[in-house]
C-alpha atoms as a PDB file:
ATOM      1  CA  MET A   1       0.000   0.000   0.000  1.00  0.00           C
ATOM      2  CA  GLU A   2       2.834   2.298   0.787  1.00  0.00           C
ATOM      3  CA  GLU A   3       4.260   1.628  -2.651  1.00  0.00           C
ATOM      4  CA  ALA A   4       0.964   2.601  -4.404  1.00  0.00           C
ATOM      5  CA  THR A   5       0.799   5.819  -2.423  1.00  0.00           C
ATOM      6  CA  LEU A   6       4.388   6.556  -3.326  1.00  0.00           C
ATOM      7  CA  MET A   7       3.668   5.891  -7.028  1.00  0.00           C
ATOM      8  CA  GLY A   8       0.535   8.068  -6.917  1.00  0.00           C
ATOM      9  CA  SER A   9       2.501  10.796  -5.255  1.00  0.00           C
ATOM     10  CA  LEU A  10       5.277  10.494  -7.825  1.00  0.00           C
ATOM     11  CA  ILE A  11       2.797  10.613 -10.727  1.00  0.00           C
ATOM     12  CA  GLY A  12       1.138  13.672  -9.184  1.00  0.00           C
ATOM     13  CA  GLU A  13       4.506  15.377  -8.773  1.00  0.00           C
ATOM     14  CA  LEU A  14       5.425  14.642 -12.408  1.00  0.00           C
ATOM     15  CA  GLU A  15       2.067  16.010 -13.593  1.00  0.00           C
ATOM     16  CA  ALA A  16       2.589  19.173 -11.536  1.00  0.00           C
ATOM     17  CA  ARG A  17       6.084  19.651 -12.971  1.00  0.00           C
ATOM     18  CA  GLU A  18       4.758  18.996 -16.480  1.00  0.00           C
ATOM     19  CA  ALA A  19       2.013  21.616 -16.001  1.00  0.00           C
ATOM     20  CA  ALA A  20       4.607  24.164 -14.740  1.00  0.00           C
ATOM     21  CA  ALA A  21       6.892  23.435 -17.680  1.00  0.00           C
ATOM     22  CA  ARG A  22       3.934  23.787 -20.096  1.00  0.00           C
ATOM     23  CA  ALA A  23       3.042  27.151 -18.509  1.00  0.00           C
ATOM     24  CA  ARG A  24       6.657  28.366 -18.879  1.00  0.00           C
ATOM     25  CA  VAL A  25       6.729  27.245 -22.544  1.00  0.00           C
ATOM     26  CA  GLU A  26       3.436  29.050 -23.248  1.00  0.00           C
ATOM     27  CA  ALA A  27       4.745  32.213 -21.560  1.00  0.00           C
ATOM     28  CA  LEU A  28       7.953  32.031 -23.607  1.00  0.00           C
ATOM     29  CA  GLU A  29       5.967  31.486 -26.820  1.00  0.00           C
ATOM     30  CA  GLU A  30       3.876  34.583 -26.027  1.00  0.00           C
ATOM     31  CA  GLU A  31       7.052  36.576 -25.331  1.00  0.00           C
ATOM     32  CA  LEU A  32       8.607  35.255 -28.544  1.00  0.00           C
ATOM     33  CA  ALA A  33       5.540  36.323 -30.558  1.00  0.00           C
ATOM     34  CA  ARG A  34       5.674  39.780 -28.929  1.00  0.00           C
ATOM     35  CA  LEU A  35       9.429  40.103 -29.604  1.00  0.00           C
ATOM     36  CA  THR A  36       9.033  38.855 -33.177  1.00  0.00           C
ATOM     37  CA  ALA A  37       6.421  41.547 -33.853  1.00  0.00           C
ATOM     38  CA  ARG A  38       8.658  44.173 -32.227  1.00  0.00           C
ATOM     39  CA  LEU A  39      11.657  42.964 -34.252  1.00  0.00           C
ATOM     40  CA  GLU A  40       9.655  43.258 -37.461  1.00  0.00           C
ATOM     41  CA  ASP A  41       8.604  46.833 -36.543  1.00  0.00           C
ATOM     42  CA  GLU A  42      12.216  47.800 -35.820  1.00  0.00           C
ATOM     43  CA  ARG A  43      13.419  46.256 -39.079  1.00  0.00           C
ATOM     44  CA  GLU A  44      10.777  48.266 -40.939  1.00  0.00           C
ATOM     45  CA  ALA A  45      11.848  51.516 -39.210  1.00  0.00           C
ATOM     46  CA  TRP A  46      15.509  50.732 -39.984  1.00  0.00           C
ATOM     47  CA  SER A  47      14.648  50.106 -43.641  1.00  0.00           C
ATOM     48  CA  ARG A  48      12.722  53.389 -43.917  1.00  0.00           C
ATOM     49  CA  LEU A  49      15.624  55.336 -42.374  1.00  0.00           C
ATOM     50  CA  ARG A  50      18.157  53.685 -44.679  1.00  0.00           C
ATOM     51  CA  ILE A  51      16.020  54.455 -47.734  1.00  0.00           C
ATOM     52  CA  ALA A  52      15.538  58.069 -46.561  1.00  0.00           C
ATOM     53  CA  ARG A  53      19.317  58.510 -46.087  1.00  0.00           C
ATOM     54  CA  GLU A  54      20.036  57.081 -49.533  1.00  0.00           C
ATOM     55  CA  THR A  55      17.341  59.255 -51.143  1.00  0.00           C
ATOM     56  CA  VAL A  56      18.636  62.418 -49.465  1.00  0.00           C
ATOM     57  CA  ALA A  57      22.177  61.574 -50.573  1.00  0.00           C
ATOM     58  CA  GLU A  58      20.964  61.116 -54.162  1.00  0.00           C
ATOM     59  CA  VAL A  59      19.058  64.419 -54.110  1.00  0.00           C
ATOM     60  CA  ILE A  60      22.062  66.266 -52.686  1.00  0.00           C
ATOM     61  CA  MET A  61      24.286  64.723 -55.343  1.00  0.00           C
ATOM     62  CA  ASP A  62      21.861  65.813 -58.081  1.00  0.00           C
ATOM     63  CA  LEU A  63      21.647  69.363 -56.695  1.00  0.00           C
ATOM     64  CA  ASP A  64      25.315  69.747 -55.796  1.00  0.00           C
ATOM     65  CA  GLY A  65      27.001  68.263 -58.827  1.00  0.00           C
ATOM     66  CA  SER A  66      30.378  68.870 -57.164  1.00  0.00           C
ATOM     67  CA  GLY A  67      31.484  65.272 -57.442  1.00  0.00           C
ATOM     68  CA  ALA A  68      31.166  64.545 -53.706  1.00  0.00           C
ATOM     69  CA  THR A  69      30.506  60.923 -52.980  1.00  0.00           C
ATOM     70  CA  ALA A  70      27.249  59.730 -51.476  1.00  0.00           C
ATOM     71  CA  PRO A  71      27.118  57.045 -48.805  1.00  0.00           C
ATOM     72  CA  VAL A  72      27.345  53.591 -50.328  1.00  0.00           C
ATOM     73  CA  ALA A  73      24.290  51.333 -50.056  1.00  0.00           C
ATOM     74  CA  GLY A  74      24.805  48.487 -47.659  1.00  0.00           C
ATOM     75  CA  GLY A  75      26.130  50.557 -44.787  1.00  0.00           C
ATOM     76  CA  ALA A  76      29.719  51.232 -45.931  1.00  0.00           C
ATOM     77  CA  GLU A  77      30.758  54.873 -45.866  1.00  0.00           C
ATOM     78  CA  PRO A  78      32.953  56.400 -48.576  1.00  0.00           C
ATOM     79  CA  GLU A  79      36.480  57.438 -47.684  1.00  0.00           C
ATOM     80  CA  ASN A  80      37.069  61.163 -47.253  1.00  0.00           C
ATOM     81  CA  PRO A  81      39.336  62.277 -50.139  1.00  0.00           C
ATOM     82  CA  LEU A  82      40.635  65.310 -48.169  1.00  0.00           C
ATOM     83  CA  HIS A  83      41.505  63.324 -45.052  1.00  0.00           C
ATOM     84  CA  PRO A  84      42.051  59.617 -45.831  1.00  0.00           C
ATOM     85  CA  GLY A  85      40.854  57.304 -43.102  1.00  0.00           C
ATOM     86  CA  VAL A  86      38.253  59.825 -41.815  1.00  0.00           C
ATOM     87  CA  ARG A  87      34.632  58.701 -42.061  1.00  0.00           C
ATOM     88  CA  VAL A  88      32.426  61.096 -44.032  1.00  0.00           C
ATOM     89  CA  VAL A  89      29.157  62.022 -42.343  1.00  0.00           C
ATOM     90  CA  GLY A  90      26.798  63.589 -44.856  1.00  0.00           C
ATOM     91  CA  ALA A  91      27.340  64.230 -48.529  1.00  0.00           C
ATOM     92  CA  ILE A  92      29.384  67.452 -48.479  1.00  0.00           C
ATOM     93  CA  THR A  93      32.717  67.856 -46.713  1.00  0.00           C
ATOM     94  CA  VAL A  94      34.198  71.225 -45.837  1.00  0.00           C
ATOM     95  CA  PRO A  95      37.885  71.474 -44.915  1.00  0.00           C
ATOM     96  CA  HIS A  96      38.886  73.036 -41.594  1.00  0.00           C
ATOM     97  CA  TRP A  97      39.970  76.641 -41.952  1.00  0.00           C
ATOM     98  CA  ARG A  98      43.678  77.364 -41.912  1.00  0.00           C
ATOM     99  CA  GLN A  99      45.793  80.376 -42.859  1.00  0.00           C
ATOM    100  CA  GLY A 100      45.912  80.958 -46.599  1.00  0.00           C
ATOM    101  CA  LEU A 101      42.846  78.806 -47.392  1.00  0.00           C
ATOM    102  CA  SER A 102      40.583  80.474 -49.957  1.00  0.00           C
ATOM    103  CA  ALA A 103      36.862  80.095 -50.562  1.00  0.00           C
ATOM    104  CA  ALA A 104      37.689  78.200 -53.770  1.00  0.00           C
ATOM    105  CA  VAL A 105      38.058  74.979 -51.752  1.00  0.00           C
ATOM    106  CA  LEU A 106      34.441  75.199 -50.571  1.00  0.00           C
ATOM    107  CA  PRO A 107      31.596  73.401 -52.357  1.00  0.00           C
ATOM    108  CA  ASP A 108      29.480  75.601 -54.660  1.00  0.00           C
ATOM    109  CA  VAL A 109      26.610  75.721 -52.174  1.00  0.00           C
ATOM    110  CA  TYR A 110      28.838  77.205 -49.459  1.00  0.00           C
ATOM    111  CA  ARG A 111      30.439  79.691 -51.836  1.00  0.00           C
ATOM    112  CA  ASP A 112      26.956  80.876 -52.856  1.00  0.00           C
ATOM    113  CA  ILE A 113      26.146  81.458 -49.185  1.00  0.00           C
ATOM    114  CA  ILE A 114      29.251  83.496 -48.349  1.00  0.00           C
ATOM    115  CA  GLU A 115      29.475  85.470 -51.626  1.00  0.00           C
ATOM    116  CA  PRO A 116      26.979  88.246 -50.638  1.00  0.00           C
ATOM    117  CA  TRP A 117      28.796  88.664 -47.327  1.00  0.00           C
ATOM    118  CA  ARG A 118      32.169  88.884 -49.071  1.00  0.00           C
ATOM    119  CA  ARG A 119      30.871  91.520 -51.501  1.00  0.00           C
ATOM    120  CA  THR A 120      29.369  93.559 -48.645  1.00  0.00           C
ATOM    121  CA  SER A 121      32.486  93.385 -46.467  1.00  0.00           C
ATOM    122  CA  THR A 122      34.723  94.346 -49.419  1.00  0.00           C
ATOM    123  CA  THR A 123      32.467  97.300 -50.302  1.00  0.00           C
ATOM    124  CA  CYS A 124      32.408  98.463 -46.670  1.00  0.00           C
ATOM    125  CA  SER A 125      36.176  98.278 -46.278  1.00  0.00           C
ATOM    126  CA  VAL A 126      36.749 100.123 -49.583  1.00  0.00           C
ATOM    127  CA  THR A 127      34.238 102.844 -48.610  1.00  0.00           C
ATOM    128  CA  ARG A 128      35.743 103.175 -45.135  1.00  0.00           C
ATOM    129  CA  THR A 129      39.285 103.342 -46.539  1.00  0.00           C
ATOM    130  CA  THR A 130      38.269 105.907 -49.177  1.00  0.00           C
ATOM    131  CA  SER A 131      36.483 108.143 -46.666  1.00  0.00           C
ATOM    132  CA  LEU A 132      39.393 107.985 -44.240  1.00  0.00           C
ATOM    133  CA  SER A 133      41.953 108.772 -46.888  1.00  0.00           C
ATOM    134  CA  ALA A 134      39.876 111.707 -48.168  1.00  0.00           C
ATOM    135  CA  SER A 135      39.937 113.307 -44.712  1.00  0.00           C
ATOM    136  CA  ASP A 136      42.426 112.416 -42.044  1.00  0.00           C
ATOM    137  CA  SER A 137      39.790 111.895 -39.375  1.00  0.00           C
ATOM    138  CA  PRO A 138      36.512 110.031 -39.531  1.00  0.00           C
ATOM    139  CA  ALA A 139      33.312 112.037 -39.908  1.00  0.00           C
ATOM    140  CA  PRO A 140      31.673 112.796 -36.543  1.00  0.00           C
ATOM    141  CA  SER A 141      28.607 110.766 -35.775  1.00  0.00           C
ATOM    142  CA  SER A 142      25.271 112.474 -35.224  1.00  0.00           C
ATOM    143  CA  ARG A 143      24.152 109.635 -32.967  1.00  0.00           C
ATOM    144  CA  PRO A 144      24.665 109.803 -29.204  1.00  0.00           C
ATOM    145  CA  PRO A 145      27.107 107.251 -27.807  1.00  0.00           C
ATOM    146  CA  MET A 146      25.604 103.941 -26.695  1.00  0.00           C
ATOM    147  CA  ALA A 147      25.165 103.433 -22.956  1.00  0.00           C
ATOM    148  CA  ARG A 148      27.223 100.644 -21.444  1.00  0.00           C
END
């Protein structure tokens, strides 16, 4: 009789363990389904961002026409021709300023931006130089001095 009770107890214990294992498997399957859906959403977002980056690079290349290289599809970045070994972020690179560097090294888009400023500053300095050379002292201002 003791043996039958022991066997019944053992069978009950195995059934309880089986039920717990089944519950864990079902919970993991639910988590897997949730993670699979989340993974698919993230892959879709990644794909949209990659396509947007490639499209923007193509548009910039079409508008710029300066011969700059666009990022390569597949994740590899082009090598920076001005500084080998430096990763290019974006489609247009601008060198760091240093003494003697002219605006000619800038891409067309940047030169178009600074050209009106250059013309204005040149005109102002020529006018200022001409007025100062015509009379040895600057013309007095009719405005009151600014308060500090």
